[in-house]
PDB file of N, CA and C in Angstrom:
ATOM      1  N   MET A   1       0.819  -1.192   0.000  1.00  0.00           N
ATOM      2  CA  MET A   1       0.000   0.000   0.000  1.00  0.00           C
ATOM      3  C   MET A   1       0.865   1.258   0.000  1.00  0.00           C
ATOM      4  N   ARG A   2       1.924   1.240   0.797  1.00  0.00           N
ATOM      5  CA  ARG A   2       2.730   2.451   0.946  1.00  0.00           C
ATOM      6  C   ARG A   2       3.569   2.785  -0.287  1.00  0.00           C
ATOM      7  N   GLN A   3       3.629   1.874  -1.236  1.00  0.00           N
ATOM      8  CA  GLN A   3       4.337   2.184  -2.484  1.00  0.00           C
ATOM      9  C   GLN A   3       3.545   3.165  -3.337  1.00  0.00           C
ATOM     10  N   HIS A   4       2.218   3.137  -3.203  1.00  0.00           N
ATOM     11  CA  HIS A   4       1.363   3.969  -4.054  1.00  0.00           C
ATOM     12  C   HIS A   4       0.493   4.959  -3.277  1.00  0.00           C
ATOM     13  N   PHE A   5       0.369   4.766  -1.967  1.00  0.00           N
ATOM     14  CA  PHE A   5      -0.514   5.608  -1.168  1.00  0.00           C
ATOM     15  C   PHE A   5       0.214   6.076   0.094  1.00  0.00           C
ATOM     16  N   ILE A   6      -0.356   7.096   0.741  1.00  0.00           N
ATOM     17  CA  ILE A   6       0.195   7.577   2.005  1.00  0.00           C
ATOM     18  C   ILE A   6      -0.873   7.456   3.091  1.00  0.00           C
ATOM     19  N   SER A   7      -0.431   7.318   4.318  1.00  0.00           N
ATOM     20  CA  SER A   7      -1.339   7.296   5.455  1.00  0.00           C
ATOM     21  C   SER A   7      -1.775   8.729   5.739  1.00  0.00           C
ATOM     22  N   ALA A   8      -3.076   8.967   5.764  1.00  0.00           N
ATOM     23  CA  ALA A   8      -3.594  10.320   5.990  1.00  0.00           C
ATOM     24  C   ALA A   8      -3.174  10.843   7.364  1.00  0.00           C
ATOM     25  N   HIS A   9      -3.227  10.001   8.383  1.00  0.00           N
ATOM     26  CA  HIS A   9      -2.864  10.448   9.732  1.00  0.00           C
ATOM     27  C   HIS A   9      -1.383  10.816   9.795  1.00  0.00           C
ATOM     28  N   SER A  10      -0.545   9.988   9.239  1.00  0.00           N
ATOM     29  CA  SER A  10       0.889  10.263   9.237  1.00  0.00           C
ATOM     30  C   SER A  10       1.220  11.508   8.416  1.00  0.00           C
ATOM     31  N   ALA A  11       0.540  11.690   7.300  1.00  0.00           N
ATOM     32  CA  ALA A  11       0.781  12.874   6.465  1.00  0.00           C
ATOM     33  C   ALA A  11       0.419  14.149   7.211  1.00  0.00           C
ATOM     34  N   HIS A  12      -0.653  14.107   8.002  1.00  0.00           N
ATOM     35  CA  HIS A  12      -1.114  15.313   8.700  1.00  0.00           C
ATOM     36  C   HIS A  12      -0.371  15.557  10.022  1.00  0.00           C
ATOM     37  N   HIS A  13      -0.063  14.466  10.756  1.00  0.00           N
ATOM     38  CA  HIS A  13       0.519  14.603  12.092  1.00  0.00           C
ATOM     39  C   HIS A  13       1.994  14.220  12.174  1.00  0.00           C
ATOM     40  N   GLY A  14       2.519  13.599  11.130  1.00  0.00           N
ATOM     41  CA  GLY A  14       3.916  13.166  11.155  1.00  0.00           C
ATOM     42  C   GLY A  14       4.126  11.794  11.766  1.00  0.00           C
ATOM     43  N   SER A  15       3.047  11.163  12.231  1.00  0.00           N
ATOM     44  CA  SER A  15       3.132   9.809  12.793  1.00  0.00           C
ATOM     45  C   SER A  15       1.729   9.207  12.820  1.00  0.00           C
ATOM     46  N   GLU A  16       1.680   7.916  13.089  1.00  0.00           N
ATOM     47  CA  GLU A  16       0.395   7.232  13.222  1.00  0.00           C
ATOM     48  C   GLU A  16      -0.159   7.498  14.627  1.00  0.00           C
ATOM     49  N   PRO A  17      -1.461   7.262  14.844  1.00  0.00           N
ATOM     50  CA  PRO A  17      -2.002   7.416  16.196  1.00  0.00           C
ATOM     51  C   PRO A  17      -1.332   6.431  17.157  1.00  0.00           C
ATOM     52  N   GLU A  18      -1.331   6.758  18.432  1.00  0.00           N
ATOM     53  CA  GLU A  18      -0.739   5.874  19.432  1.00  0.00           C
ATOM     54  C   GLU A  18      -1.360   4.476  19.360  1.00  0.00           C
ATOM     55  N   PHE A  19      -2.689   4.433  19.197  1.00  0.00           N
ATOM     56  CA  PHE A  19      -3.380   3.152  19.024  1.00  0.00           C
ATOM     57  C   PHE A  19      -4.746   3.412  18.403  1.00  0.00           C
ATOM     58  N   THR A  20      -5.258   2.407  17.709  1.00  0.00           N
ATOM     59  CA  THR A  20      -6.635   2.451  17.213  1.00  0.00           C
ATOM     60  C   THR A  20      -7.436   1.254  17.701  1.00  0.00           C
ATOM     61  N   ALA A  21      -6.782   0.312  18.339  1.00  0.00           N
ATOM     62  CA  ALA A  21      -7.481  -0.861  18.855  1.00  0.00           C
ATOM     63  C   ALA A  21      -6.795  -1.332  20.120  1.00  0.00           C
ATOM     64  N   PRO A  22      -7.529  -1.776  21.069  1.00  0.00           N
ATOM     65  CA  PRO A  22      -8.977  -1.620  21.205  1.00  0.00           C
ATOM     66  C   PRO A  22      -9.309  -0.315  21.914  1.00  0.00           C
ATOM     67  N   THR A  23     -10.575   0.070  21.866  1.00  0.00           N
ATOM     68  CA  THR A  23     -11.010   1.191  22.696  1.00  0.00           C
ATOM     69  C   THR A  23     -11.004   0.695  24.143  1.00  0.00           C
ATOM     70  N   PRO A  24     -11.001   1.593  25.107  1.00  0.00           N
ATOM     71  CA  PRO A  24     -10.972   1.147  26.516  1.00  0.00           C
ATOM     72  C   PRO A  24     -12.343   0.663  26.980  1.00  0.00           C
ATOM     73  N   LEU A  25     -12.842  -0.376  26.316  1.00  0.00           N
ATOM     74  CA  LEU A  25     -14.164  -0.912  26.655  1.00  0.00           C
ATOM     75  C   LEU A  25     -14.212  -1.356  28.113  1.00  0.00           C
ATOM     76  N   ARG A  26     -15.352  -1.162  28.730  1.00  0.00           N
ATOM     77  CA  ARG A  26     -15.558  -1.608  30.100  1.00  0.00           C
ATOM     78  C   ARG A  26     -16.732  -2.571  30.080  1.00  0.00           C
ATOM     79  N   TYR A  27     -16.586  -3.646  30.816  1.00  0.00           N
ATOM     80  CA  TYR A  27     -17.610  -4.678  30.825  1.00  0.00           C
ATOM     81  C   TYR A  27     -18.210  -4.815  32.217  1.00  0.00           C
ATOM     82  N   LYS A  28     -19.376  -5.412  32.284  1.00  0.00           N
ATOM     83  CA  LYS A  28     -20.022  -5.629  33.582  1.00  0.00           C
ATOM     84  C   LYS A  28     -19.119  -6.437  34.510  1.00  0.00           C
ATOM     85  N   PHE A  29     -18.487  -7.455  33.986  1.00  0.00           N
ATOM     86  CA  PHE A  29     -17.594  -8.291  34.781  1.00  0.00           C
ATOM     87  C   PHE A  29     -16.146  -7.894  34.494  1.00  0.00           C
ATOM     88  N   SER A  30     -15.869  -6.604  34.626  1.00  0.00           N
ATOM     89  CA  SER A  30     -14.577  -6.076  34.198  1.00  0.00           C
ATOM     90  C   SER A  30     -13.408  -6.688  34.963  1.00  0.00           C
ATOM     91  N   GLY A  31     -13.567  -6.983  36.256  1.00  0.00           N
ATOM     92  CA  GLY A  31     -12.468  -7.573  37.028  1.00  0.00           C
ATOM     93  C   GLY A  31     -12.078  -8.936  36.487  1.00  0.00           C
ATOM     94  N   LEU A  32     -13.044  -9.812  36.281  1.00  0.00           N
ATOM     95  CA  LEU A  32     -12.781 -11.138  35.736  1.00  0.00           C
ATOM     96  C   LEU A  32     -12.246 -11.042  34.313  1.00  0.00           C
ATOM     97  N   ARG A  33     -12.872 -10.207  33.497  1.00  0.00           N
ATOM     98  CA  ARG A  33     -12.440 -10.055  32.102  1.00  0.00           C
ATOM     99  C   ARG A  33     -11.012  -9.506  32.032  1.00  0.00           C
ATOM    100  N   ARG A  34     -10.691  -8.529  32.874  1.00  0.00           N
ATOM    101  CA  ARG A  34      -9.344  -7.944  32.893  1.00  0.00           C
ATOM    102  C   ARG A  34      -8.314  -9.011  33.288  1.00  0.00           C
ATOM    103  N   THR A  35      -8.648  -9.822  34.289  1.00  0.00           N
ATOM    104  CA  THR A  35      -7.738 -10.879  34.725  1.00  0.00           C
ATOM    105  C   THR A  35      -7.510 -11.896  33.615  1.00  0.00           C
ATOM    106  N   LEU A  36      -8.576 -12.322  32.955  1.00  0.00           N
ATOM    107  CA  LEU A  36      -8.443 -13.277  31.858  1.00  0.00           C
ATOM    108  C   LEU A  36      -7.666 -12.675  30.690  1.00  0.00           C
ATOM    109  N   SER A  37      -7.900 -11.396  30.406  1.00  0.00           N
ATOM    110  CA  SER A  37      -7.175 -10.719  29.337  1.00  0.00           C
ATOM    111  C   SER A  37      -5.692 -10.653  29.646  1.00  0.00           C
ATOM    112  N   ARG A  38      -5.345 -10.329  30.885  1.00  0.00           N
ATOM    113  CA  ARG A  38      -3.922 -10.248  31.263  1.00  0.00           C
ATOM    114  C   ARG A  38      -3.261 -11.609  31.207  1.00  0.00           C
ATOM    115  N   LEU A  39      -3.975 -12.657  31.607  1.00  0.00           N
ATOM    116  CA  LEU A  39      -3.416 -14.006  31.509  1.00  0.00           C
ATOM    117  C   LEU A  39      -3.199 -14.396  30.047  1.00  0.00           C
ATOM    118  N   GLY A  40      -4.171 -14.042  29.190  1.00  0.00           N
ATOM    119  CA  GLY A  40      -4.015 -14.316  27.762  1.00  0.00           C
ATOM    120  C   GLY A  40      -2.848 -13.553  27.175  1.00  0.00           C
ATOM    121  N   ASN A  41      -2.696 -12.271  27.547  1.00  0.00           N
ATOM    122  CA  ASN A  41      -1.565 -11.480  27.067  1.00  0.00           C
ATOM    123  C   ASN A  41      -0.249 -12.057  27.551  1.00  0.00           C
ATOM    124  N   ALA A  42      -0.215 -12.522  28.792  1.00  0.00           N
ATOM    125  CA  ALA A  42       1.015 -13.109  29.327  1.00  0.00           C
ATOM    126  C   ALA A  42       1.396 -14.365  28.543  1.00  0.00           C
ATOM    127  N   ALA A  43       0.389 -15.177  28.211  1.00  0.00           N
ATOM    128  CA  ALA A  43       0.664 -16.406  27.472  1.00  0.00           C
ATOM    129  C   ALA A  43       1.090 -16.124  26.031  1.00  0.00           C
ATOM    130  N   LEU A  44       0.443 -15.162  25.372  1.00  0.00           N
ATOM    131  CA  LEU A  44       0.721 -14.900  23.958  1.00  0.00           C
ATOM    132  C   LEU A  44       1.844 -13.891  23.736  1.00  0.00           C
ATOM    133  N   ASN A  45       1.893 -12.849  24.547  1.00  0.00           N
ATOM    134  CA  ASN A  45       2.831 -11.744  24.301  1.00  0.00           C
ATOM    135  C   ASN A  45       3.895 -11.597  25.378  1.00  0.00           C
ATOM    136  N   ARG A  46       3.871 -12.475  26.372  1.00  0.00           N
ATOM    137  CA  ARG A  46       4.823 -12.414  27.487  1.00  0.00           C
ATOM    138  C   ARG A  46       4.772 -11.073  28.210  1.00  0.00           C
ATOM    139  N   SER A  47       3.574 -10.529  28.349  1.00  0.00           N
ATOM    140  CA  SER A  47       3.372  -9.265  29.044  1.00  0.00           C
ATOM    141  C   SER A  47       2.000  -9.275  29.693  1.00  0.00           C
ATOM    142  N   PHE A  48       1.904  -8.733  30.909  1.00  0.00           N
ATOM    143  CA  PHE A  48       0.608  -8.635  31.571  1.00  0.00           C
ATOM    144  C   PHE A  48      -0.149  -7.384  31.154  1.00  0.00           C
ATOM    145  N   GLN A  49       0.496  -6.481  30.430  1.00  0.00           N
ATOM    146  CA  GLN A  49      -0.165  -5.266  29.965  1.00  0.00           C
ATOM    147  C   GLN A  49      -1.081  -5.587  28.783  1.00  0.00           C
ATOM    148  N   PRO A  50      -2.243  -4.982  28.727  1.00  0.00           N
ATOM    149  CA  PRO A  50      -3.140  -5.231  27.596  1.00  0.00           C
ATOM    150  C   PRO A  50      -2.515  -4.751  26.288  1.00  0.00           C
ATOM    151  N   TRP A  51      -2.778  -5.492  25.227  1.00  0.00           N
ATOM    152  CA  TRP A  51      -2.245  -5.120  23.910  1.00  0.00           C
ATOM    153  C   TRP A  51      -3.017  -3.920  23.376  1.00  0.00           C
ATOM    154  N   ARG A  52      -2.294  -2.981  22.793  1.00  0.00           N
ATOM    155  CA  ARG A  52      -2.876  -1.861  22.048  1.00  0.00           C
ATOM    156  C   ARG A  52      -1.991  -1.635  20.838  1.00  0.00           C
ATOM    157  N   GLY A  53      -2.587  -1.301  19.728  1.00  0.00           N
ATOM    158  CA  GLY A  53      -1.801  -1.046  18.535  1.00  0.00           C
ATOM    159  C   GLY A  53      -2.591  -0.292  17.488  1.00  0.00           C
ATOM    160  N   THR A  54      -1.890   0.176  16.483  1.00  0.00           N
ATOM    161  CA  THR A  54      -2.526   0.867  15.369  1.00  0.00           C
ATOM    162  C   THR A  54      -2.751  -0.139  14.249  1.00  0.00           C
ATOM    163  N   VAL A  55      -4.004  -0.402  13.966  1.00  0.00           N
ATOM    164  CA  VAL A  55      -4.363  -1.350  12.911  1.00  0.00           C
ATOM    165  C   VAL A  55      -5.335  -0.742  11.911  1.00  0.00           C
ATOM    166  N   ASP A  56      -5.722   0.509  12.135  1.00  0.00           N
ATOM    167  CA  ASP A  56      -6.694   1.179  11.272  1.00  0.00           C
ATOM    168  C   ASP A  56      -6.032   2.367  10.589  1.00  0.00           C
ATOM    169  N   TYR A  57      -6.208   2.446   9.293  1.00  0.00           N
ATOM    170  CA  TYR A  57      -5.570   3.482   8.490  1.00  0.00           C
ATOM    171  C   TYR A  57      -6.547   3.993   7.435  1.00  0.00           C
ATOM    172  N   ILE A  58      -6.316   5.204   6.981  1.00  0.00           N
ATOM    173  CA  ILE A  58      -6.939   5.700   5.757  1.00  0.00           C
ATOM    174  C   ILE A  58      -5.781   6.009   4.821  1.00  0.00           C
ATOM    175  N   PHE A  59      -5.685   5.249   3.759  1.00  0.00           N
ATOM    176  CA  PHE A  59      -4.639   5.477   2.769  1.00  0.00           C
ATOM    177  C   PHE A  59      -5.208   6.320   1.640  1.00  0.00           C
ATOM    178  N   VAL A  60      -4.457   7.333   1.233  1.00  0.00           N
ATOM    179  CA  VAL A  60      -4.914   8.226   0.182  1.00  0.00           C
ATOM    180  C   VAL A  60      -3.842   8.345  -0.895  1.00  0.00           C
ATOM    181  N   SER A  61      -4.291   8.719  -2.060  1.00  0.00           N
ATOM    182  CA  SER A  61      -3.383   8.952  -3.178  1.00  0.00           C
ATOM    183  C   SER A  61      -2.482  10.134  -2.854  1.00  0.00           C
ATOM    184  N   ARG A  62      -1.280  10.084  -3.371  1.00  0.00           N
ATOM    185  CA  ARG A  62      -0.336  11.193  -3.173  1.00  0.00           C
ATOM    186  C   ARG A  62      -0.812  12.451  -3.908  1.00  0.00           C
ATOM    187  N   HIS A  63      -1.824  12.325  -4.747  1.00  0.00           N
ATOM    188  CA  HIS A  63      -2.367  13.463  -5.489  1.00  0.00           C
ATOM    189  C   HIS A  63      -3.446  14.217  -4.698  1.00  0.00           C
ATOM    190  N   LEU A  64      -3.738  13.734  -3.494  1.00  0.00           N
ATOM    191  CA  LEU A  64      -4.718  14.400  -2.639  1.00  0.00           C
ATOM    192  C   LEU A  64      -3.999  15.085  -1.483  1.00  0.00           C
ATOM    193  N   GLY A  65      -4.488  16.238  -1.098  1.00  0.00           N
ATOM    194  CA  GLY A  65      -3.941  16.924   0.069  1.00  0.00           C
ATOM    195  C   GLY A  65      -4.737  16.551   1.307  1.00  0.00           C
ATOM    196  N   VAL A  66      -4.058  16.280   2.389  1.00  0.00           N
ATOM    197  CA  VAL A  66      -4.726  15.960   3.650  1.00  0.00           C
ATOM    198  C   VAL A  66      -4.840  17.250   4.455  1.00  0.00           C
ATOM    199  N   LEU A  67      -6.055  17.781   4.564  1.00  0.00           N
ATOM    200  CA  LEU A  67      -6.286  19.014   5.306  1.00  0.00           C
ATOM    201  C   LEU A  67      -6.416  18.758   6.800  1.00  0.00           C
ATOM    202  N   ASP A  68      -6.986  17.608   7.155  1.00  0.00           N
ATOM    203  CA  ASP A  68      -7.173  17.259   8.557  1.00  0.00           C
ATOM    204  C   ASP A  68      -7.342  15.754   8.671  1.00  0.00           C
ATOM    205  N   CYS A  69      -6.881  15.187   9.750  1.00  0.00           N
ATOM    206  CA  CYS A  69      -7.120  13.778  10.057  1.00  0.00           C
ATOM    207  C   CYS A  69      -7.132  13.651  11.570  1.00  0.00           C
ATOM    208  N   ARG A  70      -8.189  13.034  12.087  1.00  0.00           N
ATOM    209  CA  ARG A  70      -8.294  12.912  13.540  1.00  0.00           C
ATOM    210  C   ARG A  70      -8.913  11.580  13.920  1.00  0.00           C
ATOM    211  N   THR A  71      -8.693  11.196  15.165  1.00  0.00           N
ATOM    212  CA  THR A  71      -9.308   9.985  15.687  1.00  0.00           C
ATOM    213  C   THR A  71     -10.712  10.330  16.183  1.00  0.00           C
ATOM    214  N   VAL A  72     -11.631   9.404  15.986  1.00  0.00           N
ATOM    215  CA  VAL A  72     -13.030   9.571  16.385  1.00  0.00           C
ATOM    216  C   VAL A  72     -13.521   8.272  17.025  1.00  0.00           C
ATOM    217  N   LEU A  73     -14.711   8.288  17.569  1.00  0.00           N
ATOM    218  CA  LEU A  73     -15.352   7.097  18.164  1.00  0.00           C
ATOM    219  C   LEU A  73     -14.569   6.562  19.354  1.00  0.00           C
ATOM    220  N   LYS A  74     -13.927   7.444  20.108  1.00  0.00           N
ATOM    221  CA  LYS A  74     -13.068   6.981  21.201  1.00  0.00           C
ATOM    222  C   LYS A  74     -13.613   7.284  22.588  1.00  0.00           C
ATOM    223  N   ARG A  75     -14.848   7.753  22.661  1.00  0.00           N
ATOM    224  CA  ARG A  75     -15.457   8.058  23.958  1.00  0.00           C
ATOM    225  C   ARG A  75     -16.734   7.241  24.132  1.00  0.00           C
ATOM    226  N   PRO A  76     -17.012   6.827  25.367  1.00  0.00           N
ATOM    227  CA  PRO A  76     -18.252   6.083  25.599  1.00  0.00           C
ATOM    228  C   PRO A  76     -19.469   6.996  25.541  1.00  0.00           C
ATOM    229  N   ALA A  77     -20.622   6.387  25.469  1.00  0.00           N
ATOM    230  CA  ALA A  77     -21.882   7.134  25.497  1.00  0.00           C
ATOM    231  C   ALA A  77     -21.991   7.861  26.834  1.00  0.00           C
ATOM    232  N   PRO A  78     -22.534   9.087  26.840  1.00  0.00           N
ATOM    233  CA  PRO A  78     -22.636   9.851  28.092  1.00  0.00           C
ATOM    234  C   PRO A  78     -23.455   9.140  29.177  1.00  0.00           C
ATOM    235  N   HIS A  79     -24.444   8.367  28.781  1.00  0.00           N
ATOM    236  CA  HIS A  79     -25.326   7.707  29.739  1.00  0.00           C
ATOM    237  C   HIS A  79     -24.880   6.294  30.120  1.00  0.00           C
ATOM    238  N   ASP A  80     -23.850   5.752  29.445  1.00  0.00           N
ATOM    239  CA  ASP A  80     -23.410   4.379  29.716  1.00  0.00           C
ATOM    240  C   ASP A  80     -21.921   4.264  29.406  1.00  0.00           C
ATOM    241  N   HIS A  81     -21.087   4.207  30.450  1.00  0.00           N
ATOM    242  CA  HIS A  81     -19.638   4.167  30.245  1.00  0.00           C
ATOM    243  C   HIS A  81     -19.141   2.846  29.656  1.00  0.00           C
ATOM    244  N   THR A  82     -20.031   1.863  29.509  1.00  0.00           N
ATOM    245  CA  THR A  82     -19.634   0.596  28.887  1.00  0.00           C
ATOM    246  C   THR A  82     -19.987   0.541  27.406  1.00  0.00           C
ATOM    247  N   LEU A  83     -20.652   1.589  26.880  1.00  0.00           N
ATOM    248  CA  LEU A  83     -21.136   1.578  25.499  1.00  0.00           C
ATOM    249  C   LEU A  83     -20.260   2.460  24.610  1.00  0.00           C
ATOM    250  N   TYR A  84     -19.542   1.831  23.689  1.00  0.00           N
ATOM    251  CA  TYR A  84     -18.702   2.538  22.718  1.00  0.00           C
ATOM    252  C   TYR A  84     -19.269   2.302  21.325  1.00  0.00           C
ATOM    253  N   PRO A  85     -19.039   3.219  20.375  1.00  0.00           N
ATOM    254  CA  PRO A  85     -19.528   3.022  19.016  1.00  0.00           C
ATOM    255  C   PRO A  85     -18.826   1.878  18.299  1.00  0.00           C
ATOM    256  N   SER A  86     -17.617   1.523  18.747  1.00  0.00           N
ATOM    257  CA  SER A  86     -16.850   0.474  18.083  1.00  0.00           C
ATOM    258  C   SER A  86     -15.797  -0.049  19.043  1.00  0.00           C
ATOM    259  N   ASP A  87     -15.228  -1.211  18.737  1.00  0.00           N
ATOM    260  CA  ASP A  87     -14.110  -1.698  19.541  1.00  0.00           C
ATOM    261  C   ASP A  87     -12.783  -1.173  18.991  1.00  0.00           C
ATOM    262  N   HIS A  88     -12.850  -0.373  17.943  1.00  0.00           N
ATOM    263  CA  HIS A  88     -11.672   0.309  17.378  1.00  0.00           C
ATOM    264  C   HIS A  88     -11.925   1.808  17.393  1.00  0.00           C
ATOM    265  N   VAL A  89     -10.845   2.568  17.531  1.00  0.00           N
ATOM    266  CA  VAL A  89     -10.927   4.018  17.359  1.00  0.00           C
ATOM    267  C   VAL A  89     -11.021   4.264  15.860  1.00  0.00           C
ATOM    268  N   GLY A  90     -11.905   5.149  15.450  1.00  0.00           N
ATOM    269  CA  GLY A  90     -12.051   5.444  14.028  1.00  0.00           C
ATOM    270  C   GLY A  90     -11.152   6.602  13.605  1.00  0.00           C
ATOM    271  N   LEU A  91     -11.033   6.770  12.314  1.00  0.00           N
ATOM    272  CA  LEU A  91     -10.302   7.888  11.744  1.00  0.00           C
ATOM    273  C   LEU A  91     -11.234   8.660  10.810  1.00  0.00           C
ATOM    274  N   ALA A  92     -11.134   9.977  10.844  1.00  0.00           N
ATOM    275  CA  ALA A  92     -11.885  10.836   9.922  1.00  0.00           C
ATOM    276  C   ALA A  92     -10.890  11.753   9.249  1.00  0.00           C
ATOM    277  N   VAL A  93     -11.056  11.934   7.948  1.00  0.00           N
ATOM    278  CA  VAL A  93     -10.092  12.737   7.192  1.00  0.00           C
ATOM    279  C   VAL A  93     -10.826  13.747   6.309  1.00  0.00           C
ATOM    280  N   THR A  94     -10.233  14.923   6.183  1.00  0.00           N
ATOM    281  CA  THR A  94     -10.712  15.944   5.241  1.00  0.00           C
ATOM    282  C   THR A  94      -9.639  16.082   4.173  1.00  0.00           C
ATOM    283  N   LEU A  95     -10.046  15.903   2.911  1.00  0.00           N
ATOM    284  CA  LEU A  95      -9.090  15.901   1.788  1.00  0.00           C
ATOM    285  C   LEU A  95      -9.335  17.078   0.863  1.00  0.00           C
ATOM    286  N   ALA A  96      -8.304  17.416   0.108  1.00  0.00           N
ATOM    287  CA  ALA A  96      -8.406  18.444  -0.931  1.00  0.00           C
ATOM    288  C   ALA A  96      -7.830  17.874  -2.208  1.00  0.00           C
ATOM    289  N   LEU A  97      -8.497  18.132  -3.307  1.00  0.00           N
ATOM    290  CA  LEU A  97      -7.955  17.740  -4.600  1.00  0.00           C
ATOM    291  C   LEU A  97      -6.805  18.680  -4.950  1.00  0.00           C
ATOM    292  N   SER A  98      -5.694  18.097  -5.404  1.00  0.00           N
ATOM    293  CA  SER A  98      -4.577  18.963  -5.782  1.00  0.00           C
ATOM    294  C   SER A  98      -4.502  19.146  -7.277  1.00  0.00           C
TER     295      SER A  98
END
Protein backbone atom coordinates (compact mmCIF):
# COMPACT_ATOMS: atom_id res chain seq x y z
CA MET A 1 0.00 0.00 0.00
CA ARG A 2 2.73 2.45 0.95
CA GLN A 3 4.34 2.18 -2.48
CA HIS A 4 1.36 3.97 -4.05
CA PHE A 5 -0.51 5.61 -1.17
CA ILE A 6 0.19 7.58 2.01
CA SER A 7 -1.34 7.30 5.46
CA ALA A 8 -3.59 10.32 5.99
CA HIS A 9 -2.86 10.45 9.73
CA SER A 10 0.89 10.26 9.24
CA ALA A 11 0.78 12.87 6.47
CA HIS A 12 -1.11 15.31 8.70
CA HIS A 13 0.52 14.60 12.09
CA GLY A 14 3.92 13.17 11.16
CA SER A 15 3.13 9.81 12.79
CA GLU A 16 0.39 7.23 13.22
CA PRO A 17 -2.00 7.42 16.20
CA GLU A 18 -0.74 5.87 19.43
CA PHE A 19 -3.38 3.15 19.02
CA THR A 20 -6.63 2.45 17.21
CA ALA A 21 -7.48 -0.86 18.86
CA PRO A 22 -8.98 -1.62 21.20
CA THR A 23 -11.01 1.19 22.70
CA PRO A 24 -10.97 1.15 26.52
CA LEU A 25 -14.16 -0.91 26.66
CA ARG A 26 -15.56 -1.61 30.10
CA TYR A 27 -17.61 -4.68 30.82
CA LYS A 28 -20.02 -5.63 33.58
CA PHE A 29 -17.59 -8.29 34.78
CA SER A 30 -14.58 -6.08 34.20
CA GLY A 31 -12.47 -7.57 37.03
CA LEU A 32 -12.78 -11.14 35.74
CA ARG A 33 -12.44 -10.06 32.10
CA ARG A 34 -9.34 -7.94 32.89
CA THR A 35 -7.74 -10.88 34.72
CA LEU A 36 -8.44 -13.28 31.86
CA SER A 37 -7.18 -10.72 29.34
CA ARG A 38 -3.92 -10.25 31.26
CA LEU A 39 -3.42 -14.01 31.51
CA GLY A 40 -4.02 -14.32 27.76
CA ASN A 41 -1.57 -11.48 27.07
CA ALA A 42 1.01 -13.11 29.33
CA ALA A 43 0.66 -16.41 27.47
CA LEU A 44 0.72 -14.90 23.96
CA ASN A 45 2.83 -11.74 24.30
CA ARG A 46 4.82 -12.41 27.49
CA SER A 47 3.37 -9.26 29.04
CA PHE A 48 0.61 -8.64 31.57
CA GLN A 49 -0.16 -5.27 29.96
CA PRO A 50 -3.14 -5.23 27.60
CA TRP A 51 -2.24 -5.12 23.91
CA ARG A 52 -2.88 -1.86 22.05
CA GLY A 53 -1.80 -1.05 18.53
CA THR A 54 -2.53 0.87 15.37
CA VAL A 55 -4.36 -1.35 12.91
CA ASP A 56 -6.69 1.18 11.27
CA TYR A 57 -5.57 3.48 8.49
CA ILE A 58 -6.94 5.70 5.76
CA PHE A 59 -4.64 5.48 2.77
CA VAL A 60 -4.91 8.23 0.18
CA SER A 61 -3.38 8.95 -3.18
CA ARG A 62 -0.34 11.19 -3.17
CA HIS A 63 -2.37 13.46 -5.49
CA LEU A 64 -4.72 14.40 -2.64
CA GLY A 65 -3.94 16.92 0.07
CA VAL A 66 -4.73 15.96 3.65
CA LEU A 67 -6.29 19.01 5.31
CA ASP A 68 -7.17 17.26 8.56
CA CYS A 69 -7.12 13.78 10.06
CA ARG A 70 -8.29 12.91 13.54
CA THR A 71 -9.31 9.99 15.69
CA VAL A 72 -13.03 9.57 16.39
CA LEU A 73 -15.35 7.10 18.16
CA LYS A 74 -13.07 6.98 21.20
CA ARG A 75 -15.46 8.06 23.96
CA PRO A 76 -18.25 6.08 25.60
CA ALA A 77 -21.88 7.13 25.50
CA PRO A 78 -22.64 9.85 28.09
CA HIS A 79 -25.33 7.71 29.74
CA ASP A 80 -23.41 4.38 29.72
CA HIS A 81 -19.64 4.17 30.24
CA THR A 82 -19.63 0.60 28.89
CA LEU A 83 -21.14 1.58 25.50
CA TYR A 84 -18.70 2.54 22.72
CA PRO A 85 -19.53 3.02 19.02
CA SER A 86 -16.85 0.47 18.08
CA ASP A 87 -14.11 -1.70 19.54
CA HIS A 88 -11.67 0.31 17.38
CA VAL A 89 -10.93 4.02 17.36
CA GLY A 90 -12.05 5.44 14.03
CA LEU A 91 -10.30 7.89 11.74
CA ALA A 92 -11.89 10.84 9.92
CA VAL A 93 -10.09 12.74 7.19
CA THR A 94 -10.71 15.94 5.24
CA LEU A 95 -9.09 15.90 1.79
CA ALA A 96 -8.41 18.44 -0.93
CA LEU A 97 -7.95 17.74 -4.60
CA SER A 98 -4.58 18.96 -5.78
